[in-house]
Amino acid sequence: MSKIKNKIVVMSGKGGVGKSTVAVNLAL
């Protein structure tokens, strides 16, 4: 982890909000 400048978690309180799609498109 010391070689990674920024570690960002993408989370939600519930399922069905498109969290993984958001995470993928943020990465891109």
PDB file of all heavy atoms in Angstrom:
ATOM      1  N   MET A   1       0.805  -1.211   0.000  1.00  0.00           N
ATOM      2  CA  MET A   1       0.000   0.000   0.000  1.00  0.00           C
ATOM      3  C   MET A   1       0.846   1.273   0.000  1.00  0.00           C
ATOM      4  O   MET A   1       0.383   2.326  -0.438  1.00  0.00           O
ATOM      5  CB  MET A   1      -0.938   0.010   1.210  1.00  0.00           C
ATOM      6  CG  MET A   1      -2.005  -1.091   1.188  1.00  0.00           C
ATOM      7  SD  MET A   1      -3.181  -0.968  -0.195  1.00  0.00           S
ATOM      8  CE  MET A   1      -2.587  -2.325  -1.248  1.00  0.00           C
ATOM      9  N   SER A   2       2.086   1.189   0.467  1.00  0.00           N
ATOM     10  CA  SER A   2       2.961   2.369   0.498  1.00  0.00           C
ATOM     11  C   SER A   2       3.306   2.865  -0.905  1.00  0.00           C
ATOM     12  O   SER A   2       3.708   4.016  -1.083  1.00  0.00           O
ATOM     13  CB  SER A   2       4.242   2.059   1.271  1.00  0.00           C
ATOM     14  OG  SER A   2       5.057   1.135   0.561  1.00  0.00           O
ATOM     15  N   LYS A   3       3.131   2.007  -1.898  1.00  0.00           N
ATOM     16  CA  LYS A   3       3.428   2.386  -3.280  1.00  0.00           C
ATOM     17  C   LYS A   3       2.232   3.010  -3.987  1.00  0.00           C
ATOM     18  O   LYS A   3       2.312   3.378  -5.154  1.00  0.00           O
ATOM     19  CB  LYS A   3       3.899   1.158  -4.061  1.00  0.00           C
ATOM     20  CG  LYS A   3       5.195   0.549  -3.527  1.00  0.00           C
ATOM     21  CD  LYS A   3       5.599  -0.668  -4.344  1.00  0.00           C
ATOM     22  CE  LYS A   3       6.894  -1.278  -3.811  1.00  0.00           C
ATOM     23  NZ  LYS A   3       7.304  -2.461  -4.601  1.00  0.00           N
ATOM     24  N   ILE A   4       1.110   3.094  -3.263  1.00  0.00           N
ATOM     25  CA  ILE A   4      -0.126   3.633  -3.839  1.00  0.00           C
ATOM     26  C   ILE A   4      -0.422   4.978  -3.181  1.00  0.00           C
ATOM     27  O   ILE A   4      -0.596   5.061  -1.969  1.00  0.00           O
ATOM     28  CB  ILE A   4      -1.295   2.659  -3.625  1.00  0.00           C
ATOM     29  CG1 ILE A   4      -0.978   1.308  -4.270  1.00  0.00           C
ATOM     30  CG2 ILE A   4      -2.578   3.244  -4.194  1.00  0.00           C
ATOM     31  CD1 ILE A   4      -1.964   0.217  -3.932  1.00  0.00           C
ATOM     32  N   LYS A   5      -0.488   6.028  -3.992  1.00  0.00           N
ATOM     33  CA  LYS A   5      -0.644   7.371  -3.446  1.00  0.00           C
ATOM     34  C   LYS A   5      -2.010   7.582  -2.796  1.00  0.00           C
ATOM     35  O   LYS A   5      -2.116   8.158  -1.714  1.00  0.00           O
ATOM     36  CB  LYS A   5      -0.427   8.402  -4.555  1.00  0.00           C
ATOM     37  CG  LYS A   5       0.987   8.439  -5.097  1.00  0.00           C
ATOM     38  CD  LYS A   5       1.118   9.454  -6.224  1.00  0.00           C
ATOM     39  CE  LYS A   5       2.520   9.440  -6.816  1.00  0.00           C
ATOM     40  NZ  LYS A   5       2.632  10.366  -7.985  1.00  0.00           N
ATOM     41  N   ASN A   6      -3.062   7.144  -3.468  1.00  0.00           N
ATOM     42  CA  ASN A   6      -4.416   7.391  -2.974  1.00  0.00           C
ATOM     43  C   ASN A   6      -5.238   6.109  -2.989  1.00  0.00           C
ATOM     44  O   ASN A   6      -5.307   5.425  -4.016  1.00  0.00           O
ATOM     45  CB  ASN A   6      -5.118   8.443  -3.851  1.00  0.00           C
ATOM     46  CG  ASN A   6      -4.382   9.765  -3.873  1.00  0.00           C
ATOM     47  OD1 ASN A   6      -4.374  10.494  -2.880  1.00  0.00           O
ATOM     48  ND2 ASN A   6      -3.770  10.090  -5.006  1.00  0.00           N
ATOM     49  N   LYS A   7      -5.831   5.785  -1.834  1.00  0.00           N
ATOM     50  CA  LYS A   7      -6.701   4.617  -1.720  1.00  0.00           C
ATOM     51  C   LYS A   7      -8.130   5.106  -1.433  1.00  0.00           C
ATOM     52  O   LYS A   7      -8.378   5.693  -0.383  1.00  0.00           O
ATOM     53  CB  LYS A   7      -6.236   3.702  -0.588  1.00  0.00           C
ATOM     54  CG  LYS A   7      -5.029   2.848  -0.931  1.00  0.00           C
ATOM     55  CD  LYS A   7      -3.702   3.535  -0.738  1.00  0.00           C
ATOM     56  CE  LYS A   7      -3.333   3.729   0.703  1.00  0.00           C
ATOM     57  NZ  LYS A   7      -1.970   4.315   0.870  1.00  0.00           N
ATOM     58  N   ILE A   8      -9.038   4.857  -2.379  1.00  0.00           N
ATOM     59  CA  ILE A   8     -10.400   5.367  -2.263  1.00  0.00           C
ATOM     60  C   ILE A   8     -11.381   4.205  -2.215  1.00  0.00           C
ATOM     61  O   ILE A   8     -11.378   3.346  -3.099  1.00  0.00           O
ATOM     62  CB  ILE A   8     -10.750   6.276  -3.456  1.00  0.00           C
ATOM     63  CG1 ILE A   8      -9.811   7.494  -3.495  1.00  0.00           C
ATOM     64  CG2 ILE A   8     -12.208   6.730  -3.386  1.00  0.00           C
ATOM     65  CD1 ILE A   8      -9.970   8.346  -4.730  1.00  0.00           C
ATOM     66  N   VAL A   9     -12.218   4.171  -1.192  1.00  0.00           N
ATOM     67  CA  VAL A   9     -13.259   3.143  -1.116  1.00  0.00           C
ATOM     68  C   VAL A   9     -14.561   3.704  -1.656  1.00  0.00           C
ATOM     69  O   VAL A   9     -14.902   4.871  -1.420  1.00  0.00           O
ATOM     70  CB  VAL A   9     -13.457   2.616   0.328  1.00  0.00           C
ATOM     71  CG1 VAL A   9     -12.191   1.980   0.846  1.00  0.00           C
ATOM     72  CG2 VAL A   9     -13.912   3.718   1.266  1.00  0.00           C
ATOM     73  N   VAL A  10     -15.270   2.886  -2.433  1.00  0.00           N
ATOM     74  CA  VAL A  10     -16.586   3.251  -2.959  1.00  0.00           C
ATOM     75  C   VAL A  10     -17.592   2.347  -2.262  1.00  0.00           C
ATOM     76  O   VAL A  10     -17.512   1.122  -2.366  1.00  0.00           O
ATOM     77  CB  VAL A  10     -16.657   3.064  -4.488  1.00  0.00           C
ATOM     78  CG1 VAL A  10     -18.047   3.446  -5.000  1.00  0.00           C
ATOM     79  CG2 VAL A  10     -15.585   3.904  -5.178  1.00  0.00           C
ATOM     80  N   MET A  11     -18.516   2.942  -1.527  1.00  0.00           N
ATOM     81  CA  MET A  11     -19.421   2.149  -0.709  1.00  0.00           C
ATOM     82  C   MET A  11     -20.849   2.685  -0.805  1.00  0.00           C
ATOM     83  O   MET A  11     -21.094   3.765  -1.348  1.00  0.00           O
ATOM     84  CB  MET A  11     -18.942   2.141   0.746  1.00  0.00           C
ATOM     85  CG  MET A  11     -18.829   3.507   1.390  1.00  0.00           C
ATOM     86  SD  MET A  11     -18.007   3.481   3.010  1.00  0.00           S
ATOM     87  CE  MET A  11     -19.084   2.372   3.922  1.00  0.00           C
ATOM     88  N   SER A  12     -21.781   1.894  -0.250  1.00  0.00           N
ATOM     89  CA  SER A  12     -23.182   2.313  -0.216  1.00  0.00           C
ATOM     90  C   SER A  12     -23.832   1.654   0.983  1.00  0.00           C
ATOM     91  O   SER A  12     -23.339   0.666   1.513  1.00  0.00           O
ATOM     92  CB  SER A  12     -23.912   1.905  -1.496  1.00  0.00           C
ATOM     93  OG  SER A  12     -23.974   0.498  -1.599  1.00  0.00           O
ATOM     94  N   GLY A  13     -24.943   2.204   1.400  1.00  0.00           N
ATOM     95  CA  GLY A  13     -25.658   1.606   2.517  1.00  0.00           C
ATOM     96  C   GLY A  13     -26.489   0.407   2.096  1.00  0.00           C
ATOM     97  O   GLY A  13     -26.823  -0.433   2.918  1.00  0.00           O
ATOM     98  N   LYS A  14     -26.840   0.319   0.807  1.00  0.00           N
ATOM     99  CA  LYS A  14     -27.707  -0.736   0.315  1.00  0.00           C
ATOM    100  C   LYS A  14     -27.307  -1.118  -1.105  1.00  0.00           C
ATOM    101  O   LYS A  14     -26.582  -0.395  -1.767  1.00  0.00           O
ATOM    102  CB  LYS A  14     -29.173  -0.301   0.347  1.00  0.00           C
ATOM    103  CG  LYS A  14     -29.487   0.853  -0.595  1.00  0.00           C
ATOM    104  CD  LYS A  14     -30.941   1.302  -0.470  1.00  0.00           C
ATOM    105  CE  LYS A  14     -31.928   0.280  -0.949  1.00  0.00           C
ATOM    106  NZ  LYS A  14     -31.797  -0.015  -2.394  1.00  0.00           N
ATOM    107  N   GLY A  15     -27.816  -2.258  -1.536  1.00  0.00           N
ATOM    108  CA  GLY A  15     -27.563  -2.695  -2.890  1.00  0.00           C
ATOM    109  C   GLY A  15     -28.502  -2.027  -3.886  1.00  0.00           C
ATOM    110  O   GLY A  15     -29.457  -1.331  -3.508  1.00  0.00           O
ATOM    111  N   GLY A  16     -28.227  -2.227  -5.166  1.00  0.00           N
ATOM    112  CA  GLY A  16     -29.114  -1.728  -6.199  1.00  0.00           C
ATOM    113  C   GLY A  16     -28.969  -0.273  -6.550  1.00  0.00           C
ATOM    114  O   GLY A  16     -29.821   0.295  -7.235  1.00  0.00           O
ATOM    115  N   VAL A  17     -27.881   0.365  -6.100  1.00  0.00           N
ATOM    116  CA  VAL A  17     -27.693   1.794  -6.397  1.00  0.00           C
ATOM    117  C   VAL A  17     -26.658   2.021  -7.498  1.00  0.00           C
ATOM    118  O   VAL A  17     -26.327   3.162  -7.816  1.00  0.00           O
ATOM    119  CB  VAL A  17     -27.304   2.588  -5.129  1.00  0.00           C
ATOM    120  CG1 VAL A  17     -28.400   2.483  -4.079  1.00  0.00           C
ATOM    121  CG2 VAL A  17     -25.967   2.132  -4.570  1.00  0.00           C
ATOM    122  N   GLY A  18     -26.118   0.943  -8.070  1.00  0.00           N
ATOM    123  CA  GLY A  18     -25.144   1.089  -9.143  1.00  0.00           C
ATOM    124  C   GLY A  18     -23.737   1.379  -8.663  1.00  0.00           C
ATOM    125  O   GLY A  18     -22.934   1.964  -9.388  1.00  0.00           O
ATOM    126  N   LYS A  19     -23.419   0.922  -7.464  1.00  0.00           N
ATOM    127  CA  LYS A  19     -22.119   1.229  -6.863  1.00  0.00           C
ATOM    128  C   LYS A  19     -20.943   0.692  -7.679  1.00  0.00           C
ATOM    129  O   LYS A  19     -19.947   1.393  -7.890  1.00  0.00           O
ATOM    130  CB  LYS A  19     -22.087   0.683  -5.439  1.00  0.00           C
ATOM    131  CG  LYS A  19     -20.742   0.803  -4.732  1.00  0.00           C
ATOM    132  CD  LYS A  19     -20.774   0.099  -3.404  1.00  0.00           C
ATOM    133  CE  LYS A  19     -21.282  -1.311  -3.517  1.00  0.00           C
ATOM    134  NZ  LYS A  19     -20.504  -2.155  -4.464  1.00  0.00           N
ATOM    135  N   SER A  20     -21.029  -0.566  -8.128  1.00  0.00           N
ATOM    136  CA  SER A  20     -19.923  -1.152  -8.886  1.00  0.00           C
ATOM    137  C   SER A  20     -19.735  -0.444 -10.226  1.00  0.00           C
ATOM    138  O   SER A  20     -18.602  -0.227 -10.673  1.00  0.00           O
ATOM    139  CB  SER A  20     -20.161  -2.647  -9.115  1.00  0.00           C
ATOM    140  OG  SER A  20     -20.109  -3.350  -7.886  1.00  0.00           O
ATOM    141  N   THR A  21     -20.835  -0.080 -10.862  1.00  0.00           N
ATOM    142  CA  THR A  21     -20.746   0.674 -12.111  1.00  0.00           C
ATOM    143  C   THR A  21     -20.068   2.014 -11.875  1.00  0.00           C
ATOM    144  O   THR A  21     -19.240   2.464 -12.674  1.00  0.00           O
ATOM    145  CB  THR A  21     -22.149   0.890 -12.710  1.00  0.00           C
ATOM    146  OG1 THR A  21     -22.735  -0.380 -12.997  1.00  0.00           O
ATOM    147  CG2 THR A  21     -22.082   1.703 -13.986  1.00  0.00           C
ATOM    148  N   VAL A  22     -20.395   2.658 -10.767  1.00  0.00           N
ATOM    149  CA  VAL A  22     -19.751   3.924 -10.419  1.00  0.00           C
ATOM    150  C   VAL A  22     -18.253   3.707 -10.175  1.00  0.00           C
ATOM    151  O   VAL A  22     -17.417   4.462 -10.673  1.00  0.00           O
ATOM    152  CB  VAL A  22     -20.413   4.554  -9.171  1.00  0.00           C
ATOM    153  CG1 VAL A  22     -19.571   5.714  -8.638  1.00  0.00           C
ATOM    154  CG2 VAL A  22     -21.812   5.041  -9.504  1.00  0.00           C
ATOM    155  N   ALA A  23     -17.907   2.663  -9.425  1.00  0.00           N
ATOM    156  CA  ALA A  23     -16.501   2.389  -9.127  1.00  0.00           C
ATOM    157  C   ALA A  23     -15.704   2.157 -10.406  1.00  0.00           C
ATOM    158  O   ALA A  23     -14.592   2.688 -10.575  1.00  0.00           O
ATOM    159  CB  ALA A  23     -16.383   1.184  -8.197  1.00  0.00           C
ATOM    160  N   VAL A  24     -16.253   1.349 -11.304  1.00  0.00           N
ATOM    161  CA  VAL A  24     -15.562   1.046 -12.572  1.00  0.00           C
ATOM    162  C   VAL A  24     -15.361   2.315 -13.393  1.00  0.00           C
ATOM    163  O   VAL A  24     -14.271   2.571 -13.921  1.00  0.00           O
ATOM    164  CB  VAL A  24     -16.359   0.000 -13.374  1.00  0.00           C
ATOM    165  CG1 VAL A  24     -15.899  -0.051 -14.829  1.00  0.00           C
ATOM    166  CG2 VAL A  24     -16.199  -1.372 -12.733  1.00  0.00           C
ATOM    167  N   ASN A  25     -16.394   3.121 -13.509  1.00  0.00           N
ATOM    168  CA  ASN A  25     -16.279   4.320 -14.333  1.00  0.00           C
ATOM    169  C   ASN A  25     -15.435   5.408 -13.677  1.00  0.00           C
ATOM    170  O   ASN A  25     -14.817   6.217 -14.377  1.00  0.00           O
ATOM    171  CB  ASN A  25     -17.673   4.841 -14.699  1.00  0.00           C
ATOM    172  CG  ASN A  25     -18.304   4.031 -15.815  1.00  0.00           C
ATOM    173  OD1 ASN A  25     -17.945   4.171 -16.980  1.00  0.00           O
ATOM    174  ND2 ASN A  25     -19.231   3.151 -15.458  1.00  0.00           N
ATOM    175  N   LEU A  26     -15.365   5.427 -12.351  1.00  0.00           N
ATOM    176  CA  LEU A  26     -14.422   6.327 -11.684  1.00  0.00           C
ATOM    177  C   LEU A  26     -12.984   5.909 -11.998  1.00  0.00           C
ATOM    178  O   LEU A  26     -12.132   6.753 -12.303  1.00  0.00           O
ATOM    179  CB  LEU A  26     -14.646   6.315 -10.170  1.00  0.00           C
ATOM    180  CG  LEU A  26     -15.815   7.128  -9.625  1.00  0.00           C
ATOM    181  CD1 LEU A  26     -15.895   6.961  -8.105  1.00  0.00           C
ATOM    182  CD2 LEU A  26     -15.672   8.610  -9.983  1.00  0.00           C
ATOM    183  N   ALA A  27     -12.718   4.606 -11.922  1.00  0.00           N
ATOM    184  CA  ALA A  27     -11.379   4.104 -12.238  1.00  0.00           C
ATOM    185  C   ALA A  27     -10.990   4.481 -13.667  1.00  0.00           C
ATOM    186  O   ALA A  27      -9.862   4.922 -13.933  1.00  0.00           O
ATOM    187  CB  ALA A  27     -11.323   2.592 -12.041  1.00  0.00           C
ATOM    188  N   LEU A  28     -11.923   4.312 -14.592  1.00  0.00           N
ATOM    189  CA  LEU A  28     -11.647   4.651 -15.992  1.00  0.00           C
ATOM    190  C   LEU A  28     -11.468   6.152 -16.173  1.00  0.00           C
ATOM    191  O   LEU A  28     -10.631   6.589 -16.974  1.00  0.00           O
ATOM    192  CB  LEU A  28     -12.786   4.141 -16.871  1.00  0.00           C
ATOM    193  CG  LEU A  28     -12.761   2.630 -17.099  1.00  0.00           C
ATOM    194  CD1 LEU A  28     -14.142   2.127 -17.465  1.00  0.00           C
ATOM    195  CD2 LEU A  28     -11.774   2.280 -18.206  1.00  0.00           C
TER     196      LEU A  28
END
